[in-house]
PDB file of all heavy atoms in Angstrom:
ATOM      1  N   GLY A   1     -10.269 160.962-115.687  1.00  0.00           N
ATOM      2  CA  GLY A   1     -11.603 160.665-115.839  1.00  0.00           C
ATOM      3  C   GLY A   1     -12.281 161.235-117.006  1.00  0.00           C
ATOM      4  O   GLY A   1     -13.364 160.918-117.392  1.00  0.00           O
ATOM      5  N   PHE A   2     -11.524 162.022-117.677  1.00  0.00           N
ATOM      6  CA  PHE A   2     -12.059 162.716-119.011  1.00  0.00           C
ATOM      7  C   PHE A   2     -11.509 161.901-120.198  1.00  0.00           C
ATOM      8  O   PHE A   2     -10.471 161.384-120.294  1.00  0.00           O
ATOM      9  CB  PHE A   2     -11.561 164.197-119.121  1.00  0.00           C
ATOM     10  CG  PHE A   2     -11.831 165.107-118.045  1.00  0.00           C
ATOM     11  CD1 PHE A   2     -10.997 165.674-117.105  1.00  0.00           C
ATOM     12  CD2 PHE A   2     -13.247 165.439-117.764  1.00  0.00           C
ATOM     13  CE1 PHE A   2     -11.412 166.437-116.084  1.00  0.00           C
ATOM     14  CE2 PHE A   2     -13.587 166.405-116.787  1.00  0.00           C
ATOM     15  CZ  PHE A   2     -12.691 166.767-115.893  1.00  0.00           C
ATOM     16  N   VAL A   3     -12.603 161.823-121.049  1.00  0.00           N
ATOM     17  CA  VAL A   3     -12.232 160.988-122.229  1.00  0.00           C
ATOM     18  C   VAL A   3     -11.895 161.889-123.463  1.00  0.00           C
ATOM     19  O   VAL A   3     -12.629 162.880-123.749  1.00  0.00           O
ATOM     20  CB  VAL A   3     -13.470 160.082-122.702  1.00  0.00           C
ATOM     21  CG1 VAL A   3     -13.121 159.447-123.969  1.00  0.00           C
ATOM     22  CG2 VAL A   3     -13.616 159.064-121.561  1.00  0.00           C
ATOM     23  N   ALA A   4     -10.709 161.656-124.117  1.00  0.00           N
ATOM     24  CA  ALA A   4     -10.305 162.548-125.249  1.00  0.00           C
ATOM     25  C   ALA A   4      -9.424 161.726-126.192  1.00  0.00           C
ATOM     26  O   ALA A   4      -8.990 160.600-125.864  1.00  0.00           O
ATOM     27  CB  ALA A   4      -9.407 163.691-124.536  1.00  0.00           C
ATOM     28  N   PRO A   5      -9.236 162.205-127.462  1.00  0.00           N
ATOM     29  CA  PRO A   5      -8.268 161.610-128.379  1.00  0.00           C
ATOM     30  C   PRO A   5      -6.877 161.561-127.743  1.00  0.00           C
ATOM     31  O   PRO A   5      -6.554 162.357-126.834  1.00  0.00           O
ATOM     32  CB  PRO A   5      -8.486 162.476-129.626  1.00  0.00           C
ATOM     33  CG  PRO A   5      -9.743 163.212-129.410  1.00  0.00           C
ATOM     34  CD  PRO A   5      -9.889 163.410-127.985  1.00  0.00           C
ATOM     35  N   SER A   6      -5.982 160.705-128.374  1.00  0.00           N
ATOM     36  CA  SER A   6      -4.650 160.692-127.929  1.00  0.00           C
ATOM     37  C   SER A   6      -3.779 161.055-129.041  1.00  0.00           C
ATOM     38  O   SER A   6      -4.162 160.826-130.175  1.00  0.00           O
ATOM     39  CB  SER A   6      -4.202 159.346-127.295  1.00  0.00           C
ATOM     40  OG  SER A   6      -4.470 158.345-128.237  1.00  0.00           O
ATOM     41  N   HIS A   7      -2.646 161.514-128.741  1.00  0.00           N
ATOM     42  CA  HIS A   7      -1.623 161.906-129.714  1.00  0.00           C
ATOM     43  C   HIS A   7      -0.581 160.787-129.812  1.00  0.00           C
ATOM     44  O   HIS A   7      -0.052 160.310-128.715  1.00  0.00           O
ATOM     45  CB  HIS A   7      -1.004 163.327-129.467  1.00  0.00           C
ATOM     46  CG  HIS A   7       0.067 163.656-130.430  1.00  0.00           C
ATOM     47  ND1 HIS A   7      -0.141 164.046-131.738  1.00  0.00           N
ATOM     48  CD2 HIS A   7       1.436 163.756-130.217  1.00  0.00           C
ATOM     49  CE1 HIS A   7       0.933 164.307-132.336  1.00  0.00           C
ATOM     50  NE2 HIS A   7       1.851 164.176-131.408  1.00  0.00           N
ATOM     51  N   LEU A   8      -0.017 160.459-131.045  1.00  0.00           N
ATOM     52  CA  LEU A   8       0.944 159.456-131.265  1.00  0.00           C
ATOM     53  C   LEU A   8       2.345 160.300-131.439  1.00  0.00           C
ATOM     54  O   LEU A   8       2.406 160.926-132.438  1.00  0.00           O
ATOM     55  CB  LEU A   8       0.705 158.425-132.403  1.00  0.00           C
ATOM     56  CG  LEU A   8      -0.714 157.798-132.200  1.00  0.00           C
ATOM     57  CD1 LEU A   8      -0.936 156.798-133.302  1.00  0.00           C
ATOM     58  CD2 LEU A   8      -0.945 157.154-130.918  1.00  0.00           C
ATOM     59  N   LYS A   9       3.305 160.105-130.565  1.00  0.00           N
ATOM     60  CA  LYS A   9       4.652 160.717-130.761  1.00  0.00           C
ATOM     61  C   LYS A   9       5.155 160.121-132.041  1.00  0.00           C
ATOM     62  O   LYS A   9       5.952 160.878-132.769  1.00  0.00           O
ATOM     63  CB  LYS A   9       5.517 160.435-129.542  1.00  0.00           C
ATOM     64  CG  LYS A   9       4.987 161.136-128.274  1.00  0.00           C
ATOM     65  CD  LYS A   9       5.864 160.905-127.139  1.00  0.00           C
ATOM     66  CE  LYS A   9       5.332 161.398-125.768  1.00  0.00           C
ATOM     67  NZ  LYS A   9       6.198 161.052-124.605  1.00  0.00           N
ATOM     68  N   GLU A  10       4.980 158.924-132.247  1.00  0.00           N
ATOM     69  CA  GLU A  10       5.555 158.227-133.418  1.00  0.00           C
ATOM     70  C   GLU A  10       4.401 157.927-134.438  1.00  0.00           C
ATOM     71  O   GLU A  10       3.450 157.233-134.024  1.00  0.00           O
ATOM     72  CB  GLU A  10       6.397 157.038-133.151  1.00  0.00           C
ATOM     73  CG  GLU A  10       6.941 156.309-134.444  1.00  0.00           C
ATOM     74  CD  GLU A  10       7.651 155.097-134.058  1.00  0.00           C
ATOM     75  OE1 GLU A  10       8.239 154.876-133.025  1.00  0.00           O
ATOM     76  OE2 GLU A  10       7.558 154.064-134.939  1.00  0.00           O
ATOM     77  N   GLN A  11       4.391 158.360-135.612  1.00  0.00           N
ATOM     78  CA  GLN A  11       3.356 158.116-136.605  1.00  0.00           C
ATOM     79  C   GLN A  11       2.866 156.606-136.540  1.00  0.00           C
ATOM     80  O   GLN A  11       3.837 155.797-136.782  1.00  0.00           O
ATOM     81  CB  GLN A  11       3.582 158.674-137.979  1.00  0.00           C
ATOM     82  CG  GLN A  11       2.465 158.723-138.846  1.00  0.00           C
ATOM     83  CD  GLN A  11       2.898 159.221-140.224  1.00  0.00           C
ATOM     84  OE1 GLN A  11       3.969 159.145-140.681  1.00  0.00           O
ATOM     85  NE2 GLN A  11       1.919 159.986-140.981  1.00  0.00           N
ATOM     86  N   PHE A  12       1.658 156.401-136.551  1.00  0.00           N
ATOM     87  CA  PHE A  12       1.120 154.996-136.671  1.00  0.00           C
ATOM     88  C   PHE A  12       1.355 154.111-135.460  1.00  0.00           C
ATOM     89  O   PHE A  12       0.946 152.923-135.494  1.00  0.00           O
ATOM     90  CB  PHE A  12       1.496 154.335-137.954  1.00  0.00           C
ATOM     91  CG  PHE A  12       1.339 155.148-139.209  1.00  0.00           C
ATOM     92  CD1 PHE A  12       2.341 155.318-140.041  1.00  0.00           C
ATOM     93  CD2 PHE A  12       0.146 155.728-139.381  1.00  0.00           C
ATOM     94  CE1 PHE A  12       2.284 155.992-141.241  1.00  0.00           C
ATOM     95  CE2 PHE A  12      -0.013 156.574-140.616  1.00  0.00           C
ATOM     96  CZ  PHE A  12       1.059 156.636-141.462  1.00  0.00           C
ATOM     97  N   ASN A  13       2.002 154.620-134.479  1.00  0.00           N
ATOM     98  CA  ASN A  13       2.617 153.691-133.333  1.00  0.00           C
ATOM     99  C   ASN A  13       1.816 153.934-132.073  1.00  0.00           C
ATOM    100  O   ASN A  13       1.973 155.017-131.328  1.00  0.00           O
ATOM    101  CB  ASN A  13       3.961 153.769-133.206  1.00  0.00           C
ATOM    102  CG  ASN A  13       4.482 152.873-132.151  1.00  0.00           C
ATOM    103  OD1 ASN A  13       3.789 151.993-131.526  1.00  0.00           O
ATOM    104  ND2 ASN A  13       5.779 152.751-131.957  1.00  0.00           N
ATOM    105  N   VAL A  14       0.618 153.207-131.694  1.00  0.00           N
ATOM    106  CA  VAL A  14      -0.134 153.417-130.587  1.00  0.00           C
ATOM    107  C   VAL A  14       0.737 153.293-129.288  1.00  0.00           C
ATOM    108  O   VAL A  14       0.276 153.656-128.145  1.00  0.00           O
ATOM    109  CB  VAL A  14      -1.427 152.541-130.482  1.00  0.00           C
ATOM    110  CG1 VAL A  14      -2.414 152.965-131.621  1.00  0.00           C
ATOM    111  CG2 VAL A  14      -1.067 151.068-130.533  1.00  0.00           C
ATOM    112  N   ALA A  15       1.757 152.474-129.300  1.00  0.00           N
ATOM    113  CA  ALA A  15       2.697 152.339-128.232  1.00  0.00           C
ATOM    114  C   ALA A  15       3.395 153.849-127.682  1.00  0.00           C
ATOM    115  O   ALA A  15       3.714 153.846-126.588  1.00  0.00           O
ATOM    116  CB  ALA A  15       3.793 151.360-128.511  1.00  0.00           C
ATOM    117  N   THR A  16       3.314 154.667-128.557  1.00  0.00           N
ATOM    118  CA  THR A  16       3.798 156.033-128.302  1.00  0.00           C
ATOM    119  C   THR A  16       2.670 157.026-127.906  1.00  0.00           C
ATOM    120  O   THR A  16       2.819 158.201-127.928  1.00  0.00           O
ATOM    121  CB  THR A  16       4.652 156.664-129.429  1.00  0.00           C
ATOM    122  OG1 THR A  16       3.835 156.797-130.490  1.00  0.00           O
ATOM    123  CG2 THR A  16       5.739 155.696-129.774  1.00  0.00           C
ATOM    124  N   SER A  17       1.546 156.452-127.582  1.00  0.00           N
ATOM    125  CA  SER A  17       0.322 157.298-127.278  1.00  0.00           C
ATOM    126  C   SER A  17       0.494 158.054-126.076  1.00  0.00           C
ATOM    127  O   SER A  17       0.994 157.693-125.043  1.00  0.00           O
ATOM    128  CB  SER A  17      -0.937 156.366-127.216  1.00  0.00           C
ATOM    129  OG  SER A  17      -1.868 157.040-126.680  1.00  0.00           O
ATOM    130  N   GLU A  18      -0.051 159.376-126.098  1.00  0.00           N
ATOM    131  CA  GLU A  18      -0.265 160.228-124.851  1.00  0.00           C
ATOM    132  C   GLU A  18      -1.538 160.897-124.951  1.00  0.00           C
ATOM    133  O   GLU A  18      -1.916 161.550-126.091  1.00  0.00           O
ATOM    134  CB  GLU A  18       0.958 161.242-124.750  1.00  0.00           C
ATOM    135  CG  GLU A  18       1.037 162.271-125.860  1.00  0.00           C
ATOM    136  CD  GLU A  18       2.081 163.293-125.629  1.00  0.00           C
ATOM    137  OE1 GLU A  18       2.835 163.101-124.610  1.00  0.00           O
ATOM    138  OE2 GLU A  18       2.318 164.012-126.396  1.00  0.00           O
ATOM    139  N   VAL A  19      -2.379 160.836-123.850  1.00  0.00           N
ATOM    140  CA  VAL A  19      -3.584 161.474-123.892  1.00  0.00           C
ATOM    141  C   VAL A  19      -3.619 162.953-124.120  1.00  0.00           C
ATOM    142  O   VAL A  19      -2.699 163.657-123.417  1.00  0.00           O
ATOM    143  CB  VAL A  19      -4.389 161.217-122.582  1.00  0.00           C
ATOM    144  CG1 VAL A  19      -5.889 161.717-122.675  1.00  0.00           C
ATOM    145  CG2 VAL A  19      -4.357 159.725-122.355  1.00  0.00           C
ATOM    146  N   GLY A  20      -4.319 163.524-125.057  1.00  0.00           N
ATOM    147  CA  GLY A  20      -4.433 164.890-125.151  1.00  0.00           C
ATOM    148  C   GLY A  20      -5.438 165.592-124.621  1.00  0.00           C
ATOM    149  O   GLY A  20      -6.126 165.139-123.745  1.00  0.00           O
ATOM    150  N   ILE A  21      -5.753 166.761-125.016  1.00  0.00           N
ATOM    151  CA  ILE A  21      -6.895 167.612-124.659  1.00  0.00           C
ATOM    152  C   ILE A  21      -7.628 167.990-125.945  1.00  0.00           C
ATOM    153  O   ILE A  21      -7.042 168.061-126.954  1.00  0.00           O
ATOM    154  CB  ILE A  21      -6.595 168.820-123.783  1.00  0.00           C
ATOM    155  CG1 ILE A  21      -5.582 169.796-124.699  1.00  0.00           C
ATOM    156  CG2 ILE A  21      -5.932 168.407-122.540  1.00  0.00           C
ATOM    157  CD1 ILE A  21      -5.203 171.118-123.893  1.00  0.00           C
ATOM    158  N   SER A  22      -8.955 168.208-125.867  1.00  0.00           N
ATOM    159  CA  SER A  22      -9.694 168.603-126.932  1.00  0.00           C
ATOM    160  C   SER A  22     -10.562 169.892-126.481  1.00  0.00           C
ATOM    161  O   SER A  22     -10.477 170.295-125.281  1.00  0.00           O
ATOM    162  CB  SER A  22     -10.600 167.604-127.416  1.00  0.00           C
ATOM    163  OG  SER A  22     -11.571 167.381-126.561  1.00  0.00           O
ATOM    164  N   ASP A  23     -11.384 170.425-127.440  1.00  0.00           N
ATOM    165  CA  ASP A  23     -12.220 171.510-126.990  1.00  0.00           C
ATOM    166  C   ASP A  23     -13.398 170.915-126.232  1.00  0.00           C
ATOM    167  O   ASP A  23     -14.183 171.710-125.764  1.00  0.00           O
ATOM    168  CB  ASP A  23     -12.685 172.227-128.333  1.00  0.00           C
ATOM    169  CG  ASP A  23     -11.758 173.502-128.629  1.00  0.00           C
ATOM    170  OD1 ASP A  23     -10.867 173.607-127.836  1.00  0.00           O
ATOM    171  OD2 ASP A  23     -11.964 174.034-129.699  1.00  0.00           O
ATOM    172  N   ASN A  24     -13.628 169.553-126.337  1.00  0.00           N
ATOM    173  CA  ASN A  24     -14.829 169.039-125.983  1.00  0.00           C
ATOM    174  C   ASN A  24     -14.717 167.904-125.029  1.00  0.00           C
ATOM    175  O   ASN A  24     -15.281 166.753-125.231  1.00  0.00           O
ATOM    176  CB  ASN A  24     -15.740 168.576-127.221  1.00  0.00           C
ATOM    177  CG  ASN A  24     -15.974 169.829-128.064  1.00  0.00           C
ATOM    178  OD1 ASN A  24     -16.563 170.916-127.582  1.00  0.00           O
ATOM    179  ND2 ASN A  24     -15.713 169.664-129.411  1.00  0.00           N
ATOM    180  N   ASP A  25     -13.934 167.928-123.965  1.00  0.00           N
ATOM    181  CA  ASP A  25     -13.842 166.941-123.016  1.00  0.00           C
ATOM    182  C   ASP A  25     -15.274 166.621-122.362  1.00  0.00           C
ATOM    183  O   ASP A  25     -15.608 165.434-122.049  1.00  0.00           O
ATOM    184  CB  ASP A  25     -12.982 167.419-121.755  1.00  0.00           C
ATOM    185  CG  ASP A  25     -11.511 167.179-122.093  1.00  0.00           C
ATOM    186  OD1 ASP A  25     -11.154 166.758-123.310  1.00  0.00           O
ATOM    187  OD2 ASP A  25     -10.706 167.284-121.148  1.00  0.00           O
ATOM    188  N   GLY A  26     -16.086 167.656-122.279  1.00  0.00           N
ATOM    189  CA  GLY A  26     -17.351 167.390-121.720  1.00  0.00           C
ATOM    190  C   GLY A  26     -18.258 166.505-122.642  1.00  0.00           C
ATOM    191  O   GLY A  26     -19.036 165.669-122.166  1.00  0.00           O
TER     192      GLY A  26
END
């Protein structure tokens, strides 16, 4: 339910996306 940037395990490839955490989920 929290919205955050995602990290790409492979550069430029959104198919390798995993949701990360940030300082500012709120």
